[in-house]
Amino acid sequence: MIFLSYFDIVYSSSMYHCSYESVFDATEIFFISVHMLFPTFVACAHVSMMTFLLAVNSYVLWTTFCAFFKTTI
């Protein structure tokens, strides 16, 4: 369980270049509190949070990619 929390913190901190930094901070705080209060739901919370982070990160990367090519082409 400690490894999952550490992995989430490292994964979230690797995306701090994103403009949605506050979303990642809030999600990470929420996950850690769920982890401490309800350890039986750790797997579900972990999968949900990682899916959310990947979806937001994919959206940010895609919009950045589109904006870059619209301005250069």
PDB file of N, CA and C in Angstrom:
ATOM      1  N   MET A   1       0.824  -1.197   0.000  1.00  0.00           N
ATOM      2  CA  MET A   1       0.000   0.000   0.000  1.00  0.00           C
ATOM      3  C   MET A   1       0.865   1.257   0.000  1.00  0.00           C
ATOM      4  N   ILE A   2       1.982   1.201   0.700  1.00  0.00           N
ATOM      5  CA  ILE A   2       2.889   2.348   0.702  1.00  0.00           C
ATOM      6  C   ILE A   2       3.443   2.559  -0.697  1.00  0.00           C
ATOM      7  N   PHE A   3       3.731   1.467  -1.395  1.00  0.00           N
ATOM      8  CA  PHE A   3       4.263   1.577  -2.763  1.00  0.00           C
ATOM      9  C   PHE A   3       3.260   2.265  -3.687  1.00  0.00           C
ATOM     10  N   LEU A   4       1.968   1.941  -3.549  1.00  0.00           N
ATOM     11  CA  LEU A   4       0.959   2.569  -4.398  1.00  0.00           C
ATOM     12  C   LEU A   4       0.910   4.070  -4.163  1.00  0.00           C
ATOM     13  N   SER A   5       0.961   4.490  -2.907  1.00  0.00           N
ATOM     14  CA  SER A   5       0.935   5.918  -2.607  1.00  0.00           C
ATOM     15  C   SER A   5       2.171   6.598  -3.162  1.00  0.00           C
ATOM     16  N   TYR A   6       3.323   5.969  -2.988  1.00  0.00           N
ATOM     17  CA  TYR A   6       4.565   6.543  -3.502  1.00  0.00           C
ATOM     18  C   TYR A   6       4.507   6.651  -5.024  1.00  0.00           C
ATOM     19  N   PHE A   7       3.991   5.612  -5.682  1.00  0.00           N
ATOM     20  CA  PHE A   7       3.880   5.626  -7.138  1.00  0.00           C
ATOM     21  C   PHE A   7       2.962   6.750  -7.602  1.00  0.00           C
ATOM     22  N   ASP A   8       1.843   6.928  -6.918  1.00  0.00           N
ATOM     23  CA  ASP A   8       0.907   7.987  -7.299  1.00  0.00           C
ATOM     24  C   ASP A   8       1.529   9.367  -7.134  1.00  0.00           C
ATOM     25  N   ILE A   9       2.286   9.554  -6.048  1.00  0.00           N
ATOM     26  CA  ILE A   9       2.928  10.848  -5.820  1.00  0.00           C
ATOM     27  C   ILE A   9       3.958  11.117  -6.908  1.00  0.00           C
ATOM     28  N   VAL A  10       4.761  10.124  -7.241  1.00  0.00           N
ATOM     29  CA  VAL A  10       5.772  10.298  -8.292  1.00  0.00           C
ATOM     30  C   VAL A  10       5.095  10.549  -9.631  1.00  0.00           C
ATOM     31  N   TYR A  11       4.038   9.783  -9.919  1.00  0.00           N
ATOM     32  CA  TYR A  11       3.333   9.942 -11.192  1.00  0.00           C
ATOM     33  C   TYR A  11       2.706  11.328 -11.293  1.00  0.00           C
ATOM     34  N   SER A  12       2.085  11.789 -10.220  1.00  0.00           N
ATOM     35  CA  SER A  12       1.459  13.105 -10.231  1.00  0.00           C
ATOM     36  C   SER A  12       2.497  14.206 -10.349  1.00  0.00           C
ATOM     37  N   SER A  13       3.609  14.074  -9.633  1.00  0.00           N
ATOM     38  CA  SER A  13       4.618  15.125  -9.661  1.00  0.00           C
ATOM     39  C   SER A  13       5.304  15.207 -11.015  1.00  0.00           C
ATOM     40  N   SER A  14       5.275  14.117 -11.783  1.00  0.00           N
ATOM     41  CA  SER A  14       5.903  14.156 -13.104  1.00  0.00           C
ATOM     42  C   SER A  14       5.077  14.968 -14.094  1.00  0.00           C
ATOM     43  N   MET A  15       3.842  15.306 -13.746  1.00  0.00           N
ATOM     44  CA  MET A  15       2.983  16.064 -14.649  1.00  0.00           C
ATOM     45  C   MET A  15       2.756  17.492 -14.164  1.00  0.00           C
ATOM     46  N   TYR A  16       3.643  18.011 -13.319  1.00  0.00           N
ATOM     47  CA  TYR A  16       3.447  19.348 -12.778  1.00  0.00           C
ATOM     48  C   TYR A  16       3.602  20.451 -13.820  1.00  0.00           C
ATOM     49  N   HIS A  17       4.130  20.120 -15.006  1.00  0.00           N
ATOM     50  CA  HIS A  17       4.218  21.121 -16.059  1.00  0.00           C
ATOM     51  C   HIS A  17       2.838  21.487 -16.587  1.00  0.00           C
ATOM     52  N   CYS A  18       1.859  20.696 -16.264  1.00  0.00           N
ATOM     53  CA  CYS A  18       0.518  20.865 -16.793  1.00  0.00           C
ATOM     54  C   CYS A  18      -0.189  22.031 -16.110  1.00  0.00           C
ATOM     55  N   SER A  19      -1.104  22.667 -16.827  1.00  0.00           N
ATOM     56  CA  SER A  19      -1.840  23.791 -16.260  1.00  0.00           C
ATOM     57  C   SER A  19      -2.902  23.332 -15.265  1.00  0.00           C
ATOM     58  N   TYR A  20      -3.126  22.038 -15.184  1.00  0.00           N
ATOM     59  CA  TYR A  20      -4.114  21.492 -14.259  1.00  0.00           C
ATOM     60  C   TYR A  20      -3.460  21.003 -12.969  1.00  0.00           C
ATOM     61  N   GLU A  21      -2.404  21.672 -12.545  1.00  0.00           N
ATOM     62  CA  GLU A  21      -1.650  21.222 -11.368  1.00  0.00           C
ATOM     63  C   GLU A  21      -2.536  21.131 -10.132  1.00  0.00           C
ATOM     64  N   SER A  22      -3.440  22.087  -9.941  1.00  0.00           N
ATOM     65  CA  SER A  22      -4.297  22.064  -8.759  1.00  0.00           C
ATOM     66  C   SER A  22      -5.221  20.854  -8.768  1.00  0.00           C
ATOM     67  N   VAL A  23      -5.627  20.406  -9.959  1.00  0.00           N
ATOM     68  CA  VAL A  23      -6.478  19.216 -10.045  1.00  0.00           C
ATOM     69  C   VAL A  23      -5.714  17.994  -9.561  1.00  0.00           C
ATOM     70  N   PHE A  24      -4.450  17.884  -9.971  1.00  0.00           N
ATOM     71  CA  PHE A  24      -3.642  16.747  -9.547  1.00  0.00           C
ATOM     72  C   PHE A  24      -3.388  16.792  -8.041  1.00  0.00           C
ATOM     73  N   ASP A  25      -3.126  17.990  -7.506  1.00  0.00           N
ATOM     74  CA  ASP A  25      -2.901  18.115  -6.065  1.00  0.00           C
ATOM     75  C   ASP A  25      -4.140  17.688  -5.292  1.00  0.00           C
ATOM     76  N   ALA A  26      -5.295  18.187  -5.716  1.00  0.00           N
ATOM     77  CA  ALA A  26      -6.538  17.851  -5.020  1.00  0.00           C
ATOM     78  C   ALA A  26      -6.832  16.358  -5.120  1.00  0.00           C
ATOM     79  N   THR A  27      -6.589  15.781  -6.279  1.00  0.00           N
ATOM     80  CA  THR A  27      -6.838  14.351  -6.458  1.00  0.00           C
ATOM     81  C   THR A  27      -5.892  13.527  -5.601  1.00  0.00           C
ATOM     82  N   GLU A  28      -4.639  13.959  -5.529  1.00  0.00           N
ATOM     83  CA  GLU A  28      -3.659  13.227  -4.722  1.00  0.00           C
ATOM     84  C   GLU A  28      -4.008  13.294  -3.238  1.00  0.00           C
ATOM     85  N   ILE A  29      -4.411  14.463  -2.758  1.00  0.00           N
ATOM     86  CA  ILE A  29      -4.807  14.604  -1.352  1.00  0.00           C
ATOM     87  C   ILE A  29      -6.020  13.723  -1.068  1.00  0.00           C
ATOM     88  N   PHE A  30      -6.979  13.724  -1.995  1.00  0.00           N
ATOM     89  CA  PHE A  30      -8.160  12.883  -1.831  1.00  0.00           C
ATOM     90  C   PHE A  30      -7.774  11.410  -1.767  1.00  0.00           C
ATOM     91  N   PHE A  31      -6.883  10.974  -2.669  1.00  0.00           N
ATOM     92  CA  PHE A  31      -6.487   9.569  -2.686  1.00  0.00           C
ATOM     93  C   PHE A  31      -5.790   9.175  -1.389  1.00  0.00           C
ATOM     94  N   ILE A  32      -4.884  10.024  -0.904  1.00  0.00           N
ATOM     95  CA  ILE A  32      -4.159   9.695   0.328  1.00  0.00           C
ATOM     96  C   ILE A  32      -5.124   9.611   1.503  1.00  0.00           C
ATOM     97  N   SER A  33      -6.102  10.527   1.572  1.00  0.00           N
ATOM     98  CA  SER A  33      -7.061  10.473   2.675  1.00  0.00           C
ATOM     99  C   SER A  33      -7.917   9.210   2.593  1.00  0.00           C
ATOM    100  N   VAL A  34      -8.332   8.828   1.385  1.00  0.00           N
ATOM    101  CA  VAL A  34      -9.088   7.581   1.226  1.00  0.00           C
ATOM    102  C   VAL A  34      -8.216   6.392   1.611  1.00  0.00           C
ATOM    103  N   HIS A  35      -6.947   6.452   1.211  1.00  0.00           N
ATOM    104  CA  HIS A  35      -5.997   5.377   1.518  1.00  0.00           C
ATOM    105  C   HIS A  35      -5.867   5.187   3.026  1.00  0.00           C
ATOM    106  N   MET A  36      -5.819   6.285   3.764  1.00  0.00           N
ATOM    107  CA  MET A  36      -5.639   6.199   5.214  1.00  0.00           C
ATOM    108  C   MET A  36      -6.934   5.806   5.926  1.00  0.00           C
ATOM    109  N   LEU A  37      -8.066   6.313   5.445  1.00  0.00           N
ATOM    110  CA  LEU A  37      -9.319   6.074   6.149  1.00  0.00           C
ATOM    111  C   LEU A  37      -9.964   4.738   5.777  1.00  0.00           C
ATOM    112  N   PHE A  38      -9.862   4.360   4.514  1.00  0.00           N
ATOM    113  CA  PHE A  38     -10.546   3.157   4.032  1.00  0.00           C
ATOM    114  C   PHE A  38      -9.581   2.274   3.250  1.00  0.00           C
ATOM    115  N   PRO A  39      -8.675   1.590   3.935  1.00  0.00           N
ATOM    116  CA  PRO A  39      -7.683   0.782   3.213  1.00  0.00           C
ATOM    117  C   PRO A  39      -8.284  -0.344   2.378  1.00  0.00           C
ATOM    118  N   THR A  40      -9.528  -0.762   2.683  1.00  0.00           N
ATOM    119  CA  THR A  40     -10.131  -1.841   1.895  1.00  0.00           C
ATOM    120  C   THR A  40     -10.512  -1.373   0.495  1.00  0.00           C
ATOM    121  N   PHE A  41     -10.653  -0.056   0.307  1.00  0.00           N
ATOM    122  CA  PHE A  41     -11.030   0.483  -1.001  1.00  0.00           C
ATOM    123  C   PHE A  41      -9.838   1.034  -1.775  1.00  0.00           C
ATOM    124  N   VAL A  42      -8.640   0.672  -1.342  1.00  0.00           N
ATOM    125  CA  VAL A  42      -7.435   1.225  -1.965  1.00  0.00           C
ATOM    126  C   VAL A  42      -7.356   0.857  -3.442  1.00  0.00           C
ATOM    127  N   ALA A  43      -7.627  -0.394  -3.774  1.00  0.00           N
ATOM    128  CA  ALA A  43      -7.506  -0.826  -5.172  1.00  0.00           C
ATOM    129  C   ALA A  43      -8.467  -0.051  -6.069  1.00  0.00           C
ATOM    130  N   CYS A  44      -9.700   0.096  -5.627  1.00  0.00           N
ATOM    131  CA  CYS A  44     -10.698   0.820  -6.420  1.00  0.00           C
ATOM    132  C   CYS A  44     -10.317   2.291  -6.547  1.00  0.00           C
ATOM    133  N   ALA A  45      -9.911   2.899  -5.454  1.00  0.00           N
ATOM    134  CA  ALA A  45      -9.531   4.312  -5.487  1.00  0.00           C
ATOM    135  C   ALA A  45      -8.297   4.516  -6.353  1.00  0.00           C
ATOM    136  N   HIS A  46      -7.368   3.585  -6.273  1.00  0.00           N
ATOM    137  CA  HIS A  46      -6.144   3.690  -7.067  1.00  0.00           C
ATOM    138  C   HIS A  46      -6.464   3.647  -8.560  1.00  0.00           C
ATOM    139  N   VAL A  47      -7.273   2.690  -8.969  1.00  0.00           N
ATOM    140  CA  VAL A  47      -7.624   2.566 -10.382  1.00  0.00           C
ATOM    141  C   VAL A  47      -8.408   3.788 -10.847  1.00  0.00           C
ATOM    142  N   SER A  48      -9.336   4.253 -10.031  1.00  0.00           N
ATOM    143  CA  SER A  48     -10.134   5.420 -10.407  1.00  0.00           C
ATOM    144  C   SER A  48      -9.266   6.654 -10.554  1.00  0.00           C
ATOM    145  N   MET A  49      -8.363   6.871  -9.604  1.00  0.00           N
ATOM    146  CA  MET A  49      -7.529   8.060  -9.659  1.00  0.00           C
ATOM    147  C   MET A  49      -6.578   8.011 -10.842  1.00  0.00           C
ATOM    148  N   MET A  50      -5.960   6.856 -11.084  1.00  0.00           N
ATOM    149  CA  MET A  50      -5.021   6.756 -12.191  1.00  0.00           C
ATOM    150  C   MET A  50      -5.744   6.925 -13.532  1.00  0.00           C
ATOM    151  N   THR A  51      -6.955   6.394 -13.640  1.00  0.00           N
ATOM    152  CA  THR A  51      -7.734   6.582 -14.865  1.00  0.00           C
ATOM    153  C   THR A  51      -8.058   8.050 -15.070  1.00  0.00           C
ATOM    154  N   PHE A  52      -8.437   8.730 -13.984  1.00  0.00           N
ATOM    155  CA  PHE A  52      -8.743  10.157 -14.062  1.00  0.00           C
ATOM    156  C   PHE A  52      -7.516  10.958 -14.481  1.00  0.00           C
ATOM    157  N   LEU A  53      -6.374  10.682 -13.864  1.00  0.00           N
ATOM    158  CA  LEU A  53      -5.151  11.413 -14.200  1.00  0.00           C
ATOM    159  C   LEU A  53      -4.738  11.167 -15.646  1.00  0.00           C
ATOM    160  N   LEU A  54      -4.839   9.930 -16.096  1.00  0.00           N
ATOM    161  CA  LEU A  54      -4.482   9.628 -17.482  1.00  0.00           C
ATOM    162  C   LEU A  54      -5.429  10.316 -18.461  1.00  0.00           C
ATOM    163  N   ALA A  55      -6.707  10.361 -18.120  1.00  0.00           N
ATOM    164  CA  ALA A  55      -7.672  11.020 -19.006  1.00  0.00           C
ATOM    165  C   ALA A  55      -7.396  12.516 -19.096  1.00  0.00           C
ATOM    166  N   VAL A  56      -7.155  13.154 -17.958  1.00  0.00           N
ATOM    167  CA  VAL A  56      -6.874  14.595 -17.960  1.00  0.00           C
ATOM    168  C   VAL A  56      -5.572  14.874 -18.687  1.00  0.00           C
ATOM    169  N   ASN A  57      -4.556  14.069 -18.414  1.00  0.00           N
ATOM    170  CA  ASN A  57      -3.265  14.279 -19.067  1.00  0.00           C
ATOM    171  C   ASN A  57      -3.380  14.072 -20.578  1.00  0.00           C
ATOM    172  N   SER A  58      -4.128  13.065 -21.010  1.00  0.00           N
ATOM    173  CA  SER A  58      -4.319  12.832 -22.441  1.00  0.00           C
ATOM    174  C   SER A  58      -5.045  14.003 -23.091  1.00  0.00           C
ATOM    175  N   TYR A  59      -6.054  14.535 -22.398  1.00  0.00           N
ATOM    176  CA  TYR A  59      -6.790  15.687 -22.927  1.00  0.00           C
ATOM    177  C   TYR A  59      -5.875  16.903 -23.064  1.00  0.00           C
ATOM    178  N   VAL A  60      -5.062  17.149 -22.055  1.00  0.00           N
ATOM    179  CA  VAL A  60      -4.147  18.293 -22.094  1.00  0.00           C
ATOM    180  C   VAL A  60      -3.140  18.123 -23.220  1.00  0.00           C
ATOM    181  N   LEU A  61      -2.568  16.934 -23.342  1.00  0.00           N
ATOM    182  CA  LEU A  61      -1.603  16.697 -24.415  1.00  0.00           C
ATOM    183  C   LEU A  61      -2.252  16.847 -25.790  1.00  0.00           C
ATOM    184  N   TRP A  62      -3.464  16.341 -25.944  1.00  0.00           N
ATOM    185  CA  TRP A  62      -4.137  16.420 -27.237  1.00  0.00           C
ATOM    186  C   TRP A  62      -4.459  17.867 -27.597  1.00  0.00           C
ATOM    187  N   THR A  63      -4.990  18.657 -26.653  1.00  0.00           N
ATOM    188  CA  THR A  63      -5.318  20.053 -26.950  1.00  0.00           C
ATOM    189  C   THR A  63      -4.054  20.862 -27.216  1.00  0.00           C
ATOM    190  N   THR A  64      -2.980  20.568 -26.494  1.00  0.00           N
ATOM    191  CA  THR A  64      -1.711  21.248 -26.750  1.00  0.00           C
ATOM    192  C   THR A  64      -1.194  20.897 -28.138  1.00  0.00           C
ATOM    193  N   PHE A  65      -1.281  19.638 -28.497  1.00  0.00           N
ATOM    194  CA  PHE A  65      -0.842  19.165 -29.812  1.00  0.00           C
ATOM    195  C   PHE A  65      -1.638  19.851 -30.927  1.00  0.00           C
ATOM    196  N   CYS A  66      -2.960  19.901 -30.767  1.00  0.00           N
ATOM    197  CA  CYS A  66      -3.812  20.531 -31.782  1.00  0.00           C
ATOM    198  C   CYS A  66      -3.527  22.024 -31.885  1.00  0.00           C
ATOM    199  N   ALA A  67      -3.390  22.686 -30.743  1.00  0.00           N
ATOM    200  CA  ALA A  67      -3.117  24.125 -30.751  1.00  0.00           C
ATOM    201  C   ALA A  67      -1.776  24.416 -31.411  1.00  0.00           C
ATOM    202  N   PHE A  68      -0.792  23.584 -31.165  1.00  0.00           N
ATOM    203  CA  PHE A  68       0.532  23.784 -31.750  1.00  0.00           C
ATOM    204  C   PHE A  68       0.467  23.695 -33.276  1.00  0.00           C
ATOM    205  N   PHE A  69      -0.221  22.675 -33.787  1.00  0.00           N
ATOM    206  CA  PHE A  69      -0.276  22.507 -35.236  1.00  0.00           C
ATOM    207  C   PHE A  69      -1.193  23.518 -35.910  1.00  0.00           C
ATOM    208  N   LYS A  70      -2.204  24.015 -35.204  1.00  0.00           N
ATOM    209  CA  LYS A  70      -3.054  25.058 -35.784  1.00  0.00           C
ATOM    210  C   LYS A  70      -2.277  26.360 -35.943  1.00  0.00           C
ATOM    211  N   THR A  71      -1.348  26.616 -35.035  1.00  0.00           N
ATOM    212  CA  THR A  71      -0.589  27.862 -35.124  1.00  0.00           C
ATOM    213  C   THR A  71       0.585  27.748 -36.082  1.00  0.00           C
ATOM    214  N   THR A  72       1.100  26.541 -36.304  1.00  0.00           N
ATOM    215  CA  THR A  72       2.277  26.395 -37.162  1.00  0.00           C
ATOM    216  C   THR A  72       1.921  26.119 -38.617  1.00  0.00           C
ATOM    217  N   ILE A  73       0.750  25.543 -38.862  1.00  0.00           N
ATOM    218  CA  ILE A  73       0.381  25.198 -40.249  1.00  0.00           C
ATOM    219  C   ILE A  73      -0.430  26.341 -40.862  1.00  0.00           C
TER     220      ILE A  73
END
